[in-house]
Protein backbone atom coordinates (compact mmCIF):
# COMPACT_ATOMS: atom_id res chain seq x y z
CA MET A 1 -84.40 8.69 42.45
CA LYS A 2 -82.45 11.36 40.96
CA LEU A 3 -82.96 12.73 37.43
CA CYS A 4 -79.93 14.41 35.83
CA HIS A 5 -81.45 16.91 33.51
CA ALA A 6 -81.38 20.42 31.94
CA PRO A 7 -84.32 22.81 32.17
CA ALA A 8 -84.25 23.29 28.35
CA SER A 9 -84.00 19.67 27.41
CA PRO A 10 -87.26 18.21 25.68
CA PHE A 11 -86.04 14.71 26.50
CA ALA A 12 -85.58 15.45 30.08
CA ARG A 13 -88.99 17.06 30.07
CA LYS A 14 -90.55 13.92 28.69
CA VAL A 15 -89.15 11.98 31.66
CA ARG A 16 -90.46 14.59 34.09
CA VAL A 17 -93.85 14.64 32.56
CA CYS A 18 -94.03 10.76 32.56
CA ALA A 19 -92.92 10.51 36.15
CA GLU A 20 -95.50 13.09 37.37
CA GLU A 21 -98.40 11.36 35.25
CA LEU A 22 -97.32 8.09 36.94
CA GLY A 23 -97.10 9.64 40.43
CA ILE A 24 -93.44 8.96 40.87
CA PRO A 25 -91.45 11.64 42.60
CA LEU A 26 -87.99 12.55 41.31
CA THR A 27 -85.20 14.66 42.65
CA LEU A 28 -83.73 16.94 39.89
CA GLU A 29 -80.07 17.69 39.47
CA THR A 30 -79.10 20.20 36.76
CA VAL A 31 -76.13 18.89 34.73
CA GLN A 32 -74.16 21.06 32.33
CA VAL A 33 -73.60 19.02 28.99
CA ALA A 34 -73.09 20.59 25.56
CA PRO A 35 -71.20 19.63 22.40
CA THR A 36 -67.50 20.50 22.58
CA GLN A 37 -67.76 20.96 26.37
CA PRO A 38 -66.99 17.65 28.02
CA ASN A 39 -68.22 16.94 31.57
CA ARG A 40 -65.88 14.24 32.50
CA ASP A 41 -67.15 13.83 36.05
CA PHE A 42 -70.62 13.18 34.65
CA ALA A 43 -69.25 10.80 32.07
CA ASP A 44 -67.34 8.87 34.62
CA ALA A 45 -70.15 8.70 37.30
CA VAL A 46 -73.29 8.46 35.28
CA ASN A 47 -73.43 8.46 31.37
CA PRO A 48 -70.25 7.94 29.25
CA LEU A 49 -72.04 9.58 26.38
CA ARG A 50 -72.42 12.80 28.42
CA LYS A 51 -76.08 13.13 27.49
CA ILE A 52 -79.10 13.97 29.58
CA PRO A 53 -81.49 12.81 30.89
CA ALA A 54 -79.97 10.09 32.95
CA LEU A 55 -81.77 8.45 36.02
CA VAL A 56 -79.89 7.32 39.10
CA THR A 57 -82.07 4.85 40.82
CA ASP A 58 -82.48 4.22 44.44
CA ASP A 59 -79.93 1.42 44.11
CA GLY A 60 -77.36 3.71 42.41
CA GLU A 61 -77.81 2.30 38.94
CA ALA A 62 -77.73 4.78 36.10
CA LEU A 63 -80.29 4.45 33.29
CA TYR A 64 -80.37 6.32 30.04
CA ASP A 65 -81.62 7.53 27.40
CA SER A 66 -85.10 9.06 27.95
CA THR A 67 -86.97 6.20 26.33
CA VAL A 68 -85.36 3.65 28.53
CA ILE A 69 -86.11 5.78 31.61
CA CYS A 70 -89.79 6.24 30.69
CA LEU A 71 -90.18 2.52 30.15
CA TYR A 72 -88.54 1.92 33.44
CA LEU A 73 -90.87 4.32 35.26
CA ASP A 74 -93.85 2.62 33.63
CA ALA A 75 -92.71 -0.68 34.87
CA ARG A 76 -92.14 0.69 38.26
CA ALA A 77 -95.69 2.00 38.28
CA GLY A 78 -97.02 -1.48 37.50
CA GLY A 79 -96.80 -1.46 33.73
CA GLY A 80 -99.32 -0.72 31.00
CA LYS A 81 -99.63 2.89 32.13
CA LEU A 82 -97.93 4.88 29.46
CA LEU A 83 -98.27 2.32 26.76
CA PRO A 84 -100.18 -1.03 26.28
CA ALA A 85 -98.41 -3.94 27.99
CA GLU A 86 -98.77 -6.10 24.89
CA GLY A 87 -100.65 -6.48 21.56
CA PRO A 88 -100.65 -4.48 18.27
CA GLY A 89 -101.49 -1.24 20.12
CA ARG A 90 -98.15 -1.38 21.94
CA TRP A 91 -96.25 -1.34 18.69
CA ARG A 92 -98.33 1.42 17.13
CA MET A 93 -97.82 3.50 20.18
CA LEU A 94 -94.07 2.93 20.21
CA THR A 95 -93.85 3.72 16.55
CA ALA A 96 -95.70 6.92 17.13
CA HIS A 97 -93.24 7.66 19.96
CA ALA A 98 -90.27 6.88 17.76
CA LEU A 99 -91.66 9.49 15.28
CA ALA A 100 -92.16 12.16 17.87
CA ASN A 101 -88.74 11.43 19.39
CA GLY A 102 -87.11 11.60 15.91
CA MET A 103 -88.64 14.92 15.35
CA THR A 104 -87.45 16.18 18.61
CA GLU A 105 -83.92 15.03 17.75
CA ALA A 106 -84.15 16.96 14.53
CA ALA A 107 -85.19 20.11 16.43
CA VAL A 108 -82.19 19.82 18.84
CA THR A 109 -79.93 19.22 15.82
CA ILE A 110 -81.27 22.45 14.26
CA ARG A 111 -80.49 24.23 17.51
CA TYR A 112 -76.99 23.04 17.80
CA GLU A 113 -76.30 23.72 14.14
CA SER A 114 -77.73 27.30 14.32
CA VAL A 115 -76.27 28.31 17.58
CA VAL A 116 -73.39 26.02 18.72
CA ARG A 117 -71.55 25.54 15.46
CA PRO A 118 -69.47 28.49 14.40
CA GLU A 119 -71.36 30.57 11.79
CA PRO A 120 -68.91 30.11 8.84
CA GLN A 121 -69.38 26.44 9.34
CA ARG A 122 -73.19 26.28 9.47
CA TRP A 123 -74.93 24.28 6.81
CA GLN A 124 -78.28 25.66 5.88
CA ALA A 125 -79.19 22.71 3.61
CA TRP A 126 -78.71 20.46 6.72
CA ILE A 127 -81.01 22.74 8.78
CA ASP A 128 -83.62 22.66 6.10
CA ASP A 129 -83.53 18.94 5.98
CA GLN A 130 -83.91 18.50 9.61
CA MET A 131 -86.85 20.94 9.54
CA ASP A 132 -88.55 19.03 6.69
CA ARG A 133 -88.44 16.01 8.90
CA ILE A 134 -90.25 17.77 11.66
CA TRP A 135 -92.92 19.06 9.15
CA ALA A 136 -93.33 15.47 7.70
CA GLY A 137 -93.85 14.21 11.19
CA LEU A 138 -96.36 16.94 12.17
CA ASP A 139 -98.28 16.26 9.03
CA TRP A 140 -98.50 12.65 9.97
CA PHE A 141 -99.94 13.52 13.49
CA GLU A 142 -102.32 15.85 11.79
CA ARG A 143 -103.62 13.02 9.60
CA HIS A 144 -103.84 10.54 12.48
CA PRO A 145 -106.30 11.77 15.14
CA GLU A 146 -106.12 8.28 16.69
CA ALA A 147 -102.61 9.07 17.70
CA ARG A 148 -103.82 12.10 19.79
CA ALA A 149 -106.89 10.29 21.40
CA GLY A 150 -107.41 9.13 24.88
CA ALA A 151 -108.49 10.47 28.32
CA THR A 152 -104.92 10.44 29.57
CA PRO A 153 -101.65 10.96 27.46
CA ASP A 154 -99.53 7.96 26.48
CA LEU A 155 -95.84 7.96 25.94
CA ALA A 156 -96.15 9.07 22.24
CA GLN A 157 -98.42 11.88 23.09
CA ILE A 158 -96.11 13.05 25.92
CA ALA A 159 -93.19 13.03 23.57
CA LEU A 160 -95.18 15.02 21.00
CA GLY A 161 -96.31 17.59 23.53
CA CYS A 162 -92.63 18.04 24.70
CA LEU A 163 -91.54 18.51 21.05
CA LEU A 164 -94.26 21.19 20.53
CA GLY A 165 -93.23 22.95 23.68
CA TYR A 166 -89.57 22.95 22.48
CA LEU A 167 -90.59 24.35 19.14
CA ASP A 168 -92.39 27.12 20.98
CA PHE A 169 -89.39 27.79 23.14
CA ARG A 170 -86.64 27.71 20.52
CA PHE A 171 -88.42 28.33 17.26
CA ALA A 172 -91.28 30.40 18.17
CA ASP A 173 -91.82 31.94 14.62
CA CYS A 174 -91.81 28.67 12.72
CA GLY A 175 -95.63 28.69 12.43
CA TRP A 176 -96.43 25.12 13.23
CA ARG A 177 -99.84 25.89 14.50
CA ALA A 178 -100.93 27.43 11.19
CA ARG A 179 -99.96 24.32 9.40
CA CYS A 180 -101.30 21.69 11.88
CA PRO A 181 -104.52 23.17 13.43
CA ALA A 182 -105.80 19.89 14.72
CA VAL A 183 -102.47 19.19 16.50
CA ALA A 184 -102.57 22.88 17.81
CA ASP A 185 -106.08 22.28 19.25
CA TRP A 186 -104.93 19.08 20.90
CA TYR A 187 -101.82 20.73 22.40
CA ALA A 188 -103.72 23.64 23.69
CA THR A 189 -105.37 21.13 26.02
CA MET A 190 -102.30 19.04 26.61
CA ARG A 191 -100.34 21.96 27.87
CA THR A 192 -102.92 22.72 30.56
CA ARG A 193 -102.08 19.42 32.38
CA PRO A 194 -100.12 20.18 35.68
CA SER A 195 -97.26 17.83 34.53
CA PHE A 196 -96.66 20.13 31.51
CA GLN A 197 -97.20 23.38 33.36
CA ARG A 198 -94.67 22.40 36.07
CA SER A 199 -92.05 21.38 33.44
CA GLU A 200 -92.07 24.33 31.01
CA PRO A 201 -88.67 24.64 29.41
CA GLY A 202 -86.20 27.43 30.40
CA GLY A 203 -82.58 28.18 30.26
């Protein structure tokens, strides 16, 4: 299977980490996608939204977005590996994943607003609002140690770890560790996993 990705994408990293934790090999293909820079070939062949990650299965079917891909990989590995197969725990985990995913979307939005948008058009109040969403989410994970528990990472924890890696990569001076010391301690262990070490963001 081929994963269309970008080395800096936290969403593509989430898929890579999940695949490695599940023992599923992926072939990586770097795809150039960015706001205002249409990649028509990629849109026509893989994802009309021109977003990564996208997974091209062995049958040639394209799957996107990152959550769909991770659920597909979990099912391919037999199910119930990255999240409970059923019951209340499944919905709690998916809700925690939605929170981590939304925080990641806010971080990427800040990056686009701060770097891609022409400087005279940048909206600081919008940036501040997105950052406040990230702080609120981190505060939630700080207050809920059960969301960080377990011998092996679930989908929500992987998404949270990829967010924190992205904050270190793009916003190294934001000071999230000082605000959330319990999350910081958890992440210090998480980032030593081979799946995280081999997918460090770059570019």
